[in-house]
Amino acid sequence: MKAKRSKLDLSNGRIDLSHGAGGCATGQLVEDIFHKAFDNDWLRAGNDQSAFAVPAARMVMTTDSYVVSPLFFPGGNIGSLAVHGTINDIAMAGARPLYLSAGFIIEEGFPLADLNRIAEAMGSASREAGVPIITGDTKVVERGKADGVFISTSGIGVIRAGLDLRSDAARPGDAVIISGSIGDHGVAVMSKRENLDFDTDIISDCAALHGLVAAMVEVAGSSIRLMRDPTRGGLAAILNEIANASHVGFRIDEEAIPIKPEVAAVCELLGLDPLNVANEGKLVVVVAPEFADALLAVMRAHPLGAEAALIGHAEADDHCFVQMATSFGGSRIVDWLWGEQLPRIC
């Protein structure tokens, strides 16, 4: 008669090397934490892979890794971030996300309670988005060989016929719209870092954007040139990447960019430019000018686009400058080179 195994001590237990050895301890970890959190028919099958049917359409695939510090921050944690970030990478192609995979590298000694909390956040995020996690992997490394837990995710999706969004598609005259306030995520994360000491009520904007994108595509379709989510490097990095890929410049009305007063205050305190601060639930869309008003209206009708704003236009510019202009007649050119902002006053 097979002995009944004890359950994991999710309150006080910690990861040990046996959890990554591929035996009973690994099976127990996967079943008690990941399968419970992600529960679906694919995982219940217990295979090393998952088979699934897909519509007859062009496919999109993405992969990403998450190493955020701290692991938990106001409005989310590394788990919800991993799900939302991968869904959003698919959505930026105008695609409908279908399935996700997740891989975990966990440090010996990591609290099981924290791992369970992360997994539950991932499960909740994937269910709310309607995009299941259908396969995954778990590895354990020795103490000191990782910063708690690292997560790698991949996702696939499908694109409707006739839609082809590319970073080199912006044209002079195109409108630039952002879906909401910038810098919320970066400030929320920084507020919990040990070497920083400030209080804020700002929470991360971490969210899955595919519902908003579907509404946008329905209205504007192929008149949308491209979409990007301004994550690492923030809005400044994304605009410069698009400008260089499309061989255009951007003239942006800096005062039209939505920024919460609390975010602006924290950035001023830390000597940061909100344009460079990361976001996880916002998107930038470049659209043909004749569709700008209609697209802005449908974005503002969606909860994740309620603060959407038209912030500028693309223009012919051999130098591919991103120029921030103000109502006072001043302007500055924002470059993004080797991860550093190099402001130049014009």
Protein backbone atom coordinates (compact mmCIF):
# COMPACT_ATOMS: atom_id res chain seq x y z
CA MET A 1 0.00 0.00 0.00
CA LYS A 2 1.40 3.37 -1.03
CA ALA A 3 2.03 5.73 1.88
CA LYS A 4 0.19 9.01 1.79
CA ARG A 5 2.67 11.86 1.38
CA SER A 6 2.56 14.89 3.64
CA LYS A 7 1.61 18.24 2.16
CA LEU A 8 4.01 21.13 1.77
CA ASP A 9 4.28 23.48 4.72
CA LEU A 10 3.18 26.58 2.82
CA SER A 11 3.35 28.75 5.92
CA ASN A 12 6.89 28.06 7.15
CA GLY A 13 8.55 25.75 4.62
CA ARG A 14 11.38 26.70 2.28
CA ILE A 15 12.72 25.50 -1.04
CA ASP A 16 15.51 22.93 -0.77
CA LEU A 17 17.60 21.28 -3.46
CA SER A 18 15.39 18.17 -3.48
CA HIS A 19 12.59 20.29 -4.94
CA GLY A 20 14.63 20.58 -8.13
CA ALA A 21 15.90 17.00 -8.30
CA GLY A 22 13.03 15.63 -10.37
CA GLY A 23 11.76 13.16 -7.79
CA CYS A 24 8.88 13.07 -5.33
CA ALA A 25 9.74 16.44 -3.81
CA THR A 26 9.63 18.08 -7.22
CA GLY A 27 6.29 16.47 -8.00
CA GLN A 28 4.92 17.63 -4.68
CA LEU A 29 6.09 21.20 -5.29
CA VAL A 30 4.57 21.29 -8.78
CA GLU A 31 1.30 19.74 -7.69
CA ASP A 32 0.75 21.65 -4.43
CA ILE A 33 1.76 25.08 -5.75
CA PHE A 34 1.80 25.40 -9.54
CA HIS A 35 -0.93 22.97 -10.59
CA LYS A 36 -3.18 24.24 -7.83
CA ALA A 37 -2.61 27.87 -8.83
CA PHE A 38 -2.81 27.42 -12.62
CA ASP A 39 -5.34 24.55 -12.71
CA ASN A 40 -6.53 23.58 -16.20
CA ASP A 41 -7.05 20.46 -18.34
CA TRP A 42 -3.63 20.68 -20.00
CA LEU A 43 -1.74 20.65 -16.71
CA ARG A 44 -3.92 17.92 -15.24
CA ALA A 45 -2.79 15.64 -18.06
CA GLY A 46 0.66 15.59 -16.43
CA ASN A 47 2.73 15.68 -19.63
CA ASP A 48 6.02 17.46 -20.28
CA GLN A 49 4.28 19.41 -23.03
CA SER A 50 0.75 20.41 -24.06
CA ALA A 51 -0.99 19.85 -27.37
CA PHE A 52 -3.58 22.34 -28.54
CA ALA A 53 -5.53 23.41 -31.60
CA VAL A 54 -5.12 26.88 -33.09
CA PRO A 55 -7.19 28.83 -35.63
CA ALA A 56 -6.03 29.00 -39.22
CA ALA A 57 -4.24 32.33 -38.96
CA ARG A 58 -0.81 33.97 -38.71
CA MET A 59 0.83 33.13 -35.42
CA VAL A 60 2.71 35.35 -32.98
CA MET A 61 5.20 34.04 -30.43
CA THR A 62 7.11 35.85 -27.70
CA THR A 63 9.34 35.00 -24.76
CA ASP A 64 10.54 37.06 -21.82
CA SER A 65 12.32 36.73 -18.46
CA TYR A 66 11.49 38.52 -15.22
CA VAL A 67 14.03 39.40 -12.56
CA VAL A 68 12.32 42.32 -10.83
CA SER A 69 13.50 43.50 -7.42
CA PRO A 70 11.70 43.59 -5.08
CA LEU A 71 9.56 40.58 -5.97
CA PHE A 72 6.47 42.16 -4.40
CA PHE A 73 5.40 45.74 -5.02
CA PRO A 74 2.22 47.83 -4.67
CA GLY A 75 -0.28 46.56 -7.24
CA GLY A 76 1.41 43.27 -8.13
CA ASN A 77 4.39 40.95 -7.92
CA ILE A 78 6.80 39.17 -10.24
CA GLY A 79 4.11 36.57 -11.01
CA SER A 80 1.37 38.89 -12.23
CA LEU A 81 4.04 40.94 -14.01
CA ALA A 82 5.23 37.87 -15.94
CA VAL A 83 1.73 37.01 -17.13
CA HIS A 84 0.72 40.55 -18.05
CA GLY A 85 4.05 41.34 -19.70
CA THR A 86 3.94 38.32 -21.98
CA ILE A 87 0.30 38.87 -22.91
CA ASN A 88 1.09 42.49 -23.74
CA ASP A 89 4.02 41.57 -25.97
CA ILE A 90 1.63 39.45 -28.03
CA ALA A 91 -1.07 42.12 -27.98
CA MET A 92 1.32 44.78 -29.36
CA ALA A 93 1.25 42.86 -32.65
CA GLY A 94 -2.54 43.33 -32.66
CA ALA A 95 -2.82 39.62 -31.86
CA ARG A 96 -5.16 37.65 -29.63
CA PRO A 97 -3.10 35.76 -27.01
CA LEU A 98 -3.98 32.07 -26.68
CA TYR A 99 -1.60 30.21 -24.37
CA LEU A 100 1.35 30.77 -22.03
CA SER A 101 4.21 28.70 -20.65
CA ALA A 102 6.16 29.45 -17.47
CA GLY A 103 9.63 28.43 -16.25
CA PHE A 104 10.91 29.01 -12.71
CA ILE A 105 14.46 29.19 -11.39
CA ILE A 106 14.17 29.18 -7.61
CA GLU A 107 16.91 29.76 -5.06
CA GLU A 108 17.45 27.25 -2.28
CA GLY A 109 15.93 28.63 0.93
CA PHE A 110 13.21 30.64 -0.81
CA PRO A 111 10.04 30.69 1.36
CA LEU A 112 7.27 28.43 0.09
CA ALA A 113 4.72 31.02 1.25
CA ASP A 114 6.23 33.60 -1.12
CA LEU A 115 6.40 31.11 -3.99
CA ASN A 116 2.76 30.17 -3.42
CA ARG A 117 1.77 33.85 -3.37
CA ILE A 118 3.58 34.42 -6.67
CA ALA A 119 1.99 31.36 -8.28
CA GLU A 120 -1.49 32.37 -7.11
CA ALA A 121 -0.98 35.83 -8.61
CA MET A 122 0.02 34.24 -11.92
CA GLY A 123 -3.00 31.94 -11.87
CA SER A 124 -5.38 34.80 -11.12
CA ALA A 125 -3.86 37.00 -13.81
CA SER A 126 -4.06 34.27 -16.46
CA ARG A 127 -7.66 33.39 -15.60
CA GLU A 128 -8.77 37.02 -15.61
CA ALA A 129 -7.11 37.47 -19.01
CA GLY A 130 -8.54 34.21 -20.39
CA VAL A 131 -5.04 33.06 -21.37
CA PRO A 132 -4.13 29.80 -19.58
CA ILE A 133 -0.65 28.67 -18.54
CA ILE A 134 -0.56 25.21 -20.10
CA THR A 135 3.01 24.00 -19.57
CA GLY A 136 6.07 24.88 -17.52
CA ASP A 137 9.28 23.88 -15.81
CA THR A 138 10.90 24.26 -12.39
CA LYS A 139 14.58 24.32 -11.45
CA VAL A 140 16.23 24.90 -8.06
CA VAL A 141 19.72 26.41 -7.71
CA GLU A 142 22.00 26.59 -4.69
CA ARG A 143 21.67 29.38 -2.16
CA GLY A 144 23.30 32.55 -3.46
CA LYS A 145 23.00 31.52 -7.13
CA ALA A 146 19.77 33.47 -7.77
CA ASP A 147 17.90 36.43 -6.33
CA GLY A 148 14.99 34.48 -4.84
CA VAL A 149 13.14 33.50 -8.00
CA PHE A 150 13.44 34.20 -11.71
CA ILE A 151 10.54 33.55 -14.10
CA SER A 152 10.67 33.00 -17.86
CA THR A 153 7.45 32.98 -19.85
CA SER A 154 6.53 32.37 -23.46
CA GLY A 155 3.24 32.97 -25.22
CA ILE A 156 1.56 32.46 -28.55
CA GLY A 157 -1.31 34.26 -30.24
CA VAL A 158 -3.04 34.76 -33.58
CA ILE A 159 -3.39 37.84 -35.77
CA ARG A 160 -6.44 38.69 -37.84
CA ALA A 161 -6.01 38.73 -41.60
CA GLY A 162 -4.75 41.98 -43.11
CA LEU A 163 -3.11 43.31 -39.94
CA ASP A 164 0.67 43.78 -40.01
CA LEU A 165 2.03 46.06 -37.29
CA ARG A 166 5.77 46.78 -37.52
CA SER A 167 8.13 49.14 -35.71
CA ASP A 168 9.30 50.61 -39.04
CA ALA A 169 5.81 51.58 -40.22
CA ALA A 170 5.45 55.11 -38.77
CA ARG A 171 5.04 57.85 -41.41
CA PRO A 172 5.27 61.66 -41.26
CA GLY A 173 1.96 63.09 -40.09
CA ASP A 174 0.93 60.02 -38.08
CA ALA A 175 -0.59 60.65 -34.67
CA VAL A 176 0.96 59.35 -31.45
CA ILE A 177 -1.41 58.31 -28.64
CA ILE A 178 -0.59 56.96 -25.18
CA SER A 179 -3.19 54.94 -23.28
CA GLY A 180 -2.70 56.60 -19.90
CA SER A 181 -0.39 58.06 -17.27
CA ILE A 182 3.28 57.13 -17.37
CA GLY A 183 5.73 56.09 -14.66
CA ASP A 184 3.29 54.45 -12.24
CA HIS A 185 4.91 51.01 -12.31
CA GLY A 186 8.47 52.22 -11.97
CA VAL A 187 7.65 54.47 -9.03
CA ALA A 188 5.67 51.69 -7.30
CA VAL A 189 8.64 49.31 -7.58
CA MET A 190 11.21 51.90 -6.51
CA SER A 191 9.13 52.78 -3.44
CA LYS A 192 9.85 49.30 -2.03
CA ARG A 193 13.56 49.13 -2.71
CA GLU A 194 15.73 49.01 0.41
CA ASN A 195 18.07 51.86 -0.55
CA LEU A 196 15.22 54.29 -1.22
CA ASP A 197 13.18 55.91 1.49
CA PHE A 198 9.93 57.53 0.41
CA ASP A 199 6.23 56.87 0.79
CA THR A 200 3.71 56.98 -2.03
CA ASP A 201 0.18 55.80 -2.72
CA ILE A 202 1.07 54.98 -6.34
CA ILE A 203 0.44 51.37 -7.36
CA SER A 204 1.78 49.57 -10.40
CA ASP A 205 -0.21 49.91 -13.62
CA CYS A 206 0.52 46.23 -14.38
CA ALA A 207 -2.38 44.93 -16.52
CA ALA A 208 -3.17 42.79 -19.55
CA LEU A 209 -3.88 45.07 -22.52
CA HIS A 210 -5.26 42.60 -25.08
CA GLY A 211 -8.89 43.60 -24.45
CA LEU A 212 -8.10 47.26 -25.09
CA VAL A 213 -6.08 46.31 -28.17
CA ALA A 214 -8.95 44.23 -29.58
CA ALA A 215 -11.28 47.24 -29.31
CA MET A 216 -8.68 49.46 -30.99
CA VAL A 217 -8.12 47.03 -33.86
CA GLU A 218 -11.87 46.72 -34.39
CA VAL A 219 -12.16 50.48 -34.94
CA ALA A 220 -8.93 51.40 -36.71
CA GLY A 221 -7.67 48.10 -38.16
CA SER A 222 -4.80 48.49 -40.61
CA SER A 223 -4.75 52.27 -40.09
CA ILE A 224 -2.84 51.46 -36.91
CA ARG A 225 0.82 51.60 -37.93
CA LEU A 226 2.24 50.03 -34.78
CA MET A 227 1.83 49.57 -31.04
CA ARG A 228 4.45 49.25 -28.31
CA ASP A 229 4.33 48.99 -24.53
CA PRO A 230 6.81 51.40 -22.89
CA THR A 231 8.39 49.06 -20.35
CA ARG A 232 12.15 49.27 -19.70
CA GLY A 233 13.40 52.72 -20.64
CA GLY A 234 9.89 54.15 -20.57
CA LEU A 235 8.26 56.39 -23.14
CA ALA A 236 11.54 58.03 -24.23
CA ALA A 237 13.12 54.70 -25.17
CA ILE A 238 10.11 53.48 -27.13
CA LEU A 239 9.72 56.71 -29.13
CA ASN A 240 13.41 56.69 -30.01
CA GLU A 241 13.30 53.02 -31.06
CA ILE A 242 10.31 53.71 -33.32
CA ALA A 243 11.88 56.88 -34.74
CA ASN A 244 15.09 55.08 -35.66
CA ALA A 245 13.30 52.03 -37.08
CA SER A 246 10.88 54.14 -39.16
CA HIS A 247 13.38 56.88 -40.11
CA VAL A 248 11.08 59.64 -38.86
CA GLY A 249 11.16 62.16 -36.04
CA PHE A 250 8.52 62.79 -33.40
CA ARG A 251 7.31 66.13 -32.13
CA ILE A 252 5.68 65.50 -28.76
CA ASP A 253 3.69 67.96 -26.66
CA GLU A 254 5.26 67.24 -23.28
CA GLU A 255 2.39 68.87 -21.41
CA ALA A 256 -0.11 66.52 -23.08
CA ILE A 257 1.56 63.43 -21.59
CA PRO A 258 -0.52 62.24 -18.60
CA ILE A 259 1.62 62.04 -15.44
CA LYS A 260 0.19 61.71 -11.94
CA PRO A 261 1.35 64.50 -9.60
CA GLU A 262 2.69 61.90 -7.15
CA VAL A 263 4.79 60.28 -9.88
CA ALA A 264 6.15 63.66 -10.97
CA ALA A 265 6.99 64.51 -7.35
CA VAL A 266 8.87 61.25 -6.74
CA CYS A 267 10.78 61.60 -10.00
CA GLU A 268 11.79 65.13 -9.07
CA LEU A 269 12.89 63.93 -5.63
CA LEU A 270 15.06 61.18 -7.14
CA GLY A 271 16.35 63.25 -10.05
CA LEU A 272 14.58 61.11 -12.65
CA ASP A 273 12.69 62.00 -15.80
CA PRO A 274 9.24 60.33 -15.89
CA LEU A 275 9.81 59.76 -19.62
CA ASN A 276 12.46 57.19 -18.69
CA VAL A 277 10.50 55.33 -16.00
CA ALA A 278 9.05 51.89 -16.73
CA ASN A 279 5.37 51.12 -17.32
CA GLU A 280 3.63 47.73 -17.43
CA GLY A 281 0.02 48.52 -18.29
CA LYS A 282 0.30 51.25 -20.89
CA LEU A 283 0.74 51.29 -24.66
CA VAL A 284 1.87 53.73 -27.31
CA VAL A 285 0.06 53.60 -30.64
CA VAL A 286 1.02 55.33 -33.89
CA VAL A 287 -1.98 55.70 -36.18
CA ALA A 288 -2.88 57.37 -39.48
CA PRO A 289 -3.98 60.93 -38.62
CA GLU A 290 -7.49 60.55 -40.07
CA PHE A 291 -8.23 57.76 -37.56
CA ALA A 292 -6.74 59.46 -34.49
CA ASP A 293 -9.98 60.89 -33.09
CA ALA A 294 -11.95 57.66 -33.53
CA LEU A 295 -9.16 55.61 -31.97
CA LEU A 296 -8.82 58.00 -29.05
CA ALA A 297 -12.56 57.78 -28.40
CA VAL A 298 -12.64 53.98 -28.30
CA MET A 299 -9.57 53.89 -26.06
CA ARG A 300 -11.14 56.31 -23.58
CA ALA A 301 -14.25 54.13 -23.47
CA HIS A 302 -12.18 51.21 -22.14
CA PRO A 303 -11.14 51.08 -18.45
CA LEU A 304 -7.46 50.66 -19.35
CA GLY A 305 -7.55 53.61 -21.74
CA ALA A 306 -9.66 56.10 -19.80
CA GLU A 307 -6.73 58.56 -19.57
CA ALA A 308 -5.63 58.11 -23.19
CA ALA A 309 -4.16 61.23 -24.78
CA LEU A 310 -2.94 62.34 -28.19
CA ILE A 311 0.58 63.50 -27.40
CA GLY A 312 2.15 64.34 -30.75
CA HIS A 313 2.88 63.48 -34.35
CA ALA A 314 5.55 61.93 -36.50
CA GLU A 315 7.43 64.23 -38.85
CA ALA A 316 10.02 63.98 -41.58
CA ASP A 317 13.43 64.19 -39.90
CA ASP A 318 16.67 62.74 -41.26
CA HIS A 319 18.12 62.79 -37.72
CA CYS A 320 15.20 60.78 -36.25
CA PHE A 321 14.95 63.14 -33.27
CA VAL A 322 12.28 62.86 -30.58
CA GLN A 323 11.53 66.46 -29.70
CA MET A 324 9.58 67.39 -26.58
CA ALA A 325 7.87 70.77 -26.99
CA THR A 326 6.05 72.95 -24.45
CA SER A 327 3.47 75.69 -24.71
CA PHE A 328 6.15 78.19 -23.67
CA GLY A 329 7.94 77.69 -26.94
CA GLY A 330 10.81 75.70 -25.47
CA SER A 331 11.78 72.20 -26.53
CA ARG A 332 14.32 69.48 -25.87
CA ILE A 333 15.50 66.54 -27.87
CA VAL A 334 15.45 63.25 -25.97
CA ASP A 335 17.86 60.55 -27.11
CA TRP A 336 18.15 57.03 -25.77
CA LEU A 337 21.69 55.74 -26.24
CA TRP A 338 23.24 52.82 -24.36
CA GLY A 339 20.56 53.08 -21.70
CA GLU A 340 21.19 56.71 -20.82
CA GLN A 341 19.12 59.77 -21.56
CA LEU A 342 21.11 62.53 -23.25
CA PRO A 343 19.00 65.72 -23.19
CA ARG A 344 19.87 68.50 -25.57
CA ILE A 345 18.21 71.91 -25.36
CA CYS A 346 16.92 73.32 -28.68
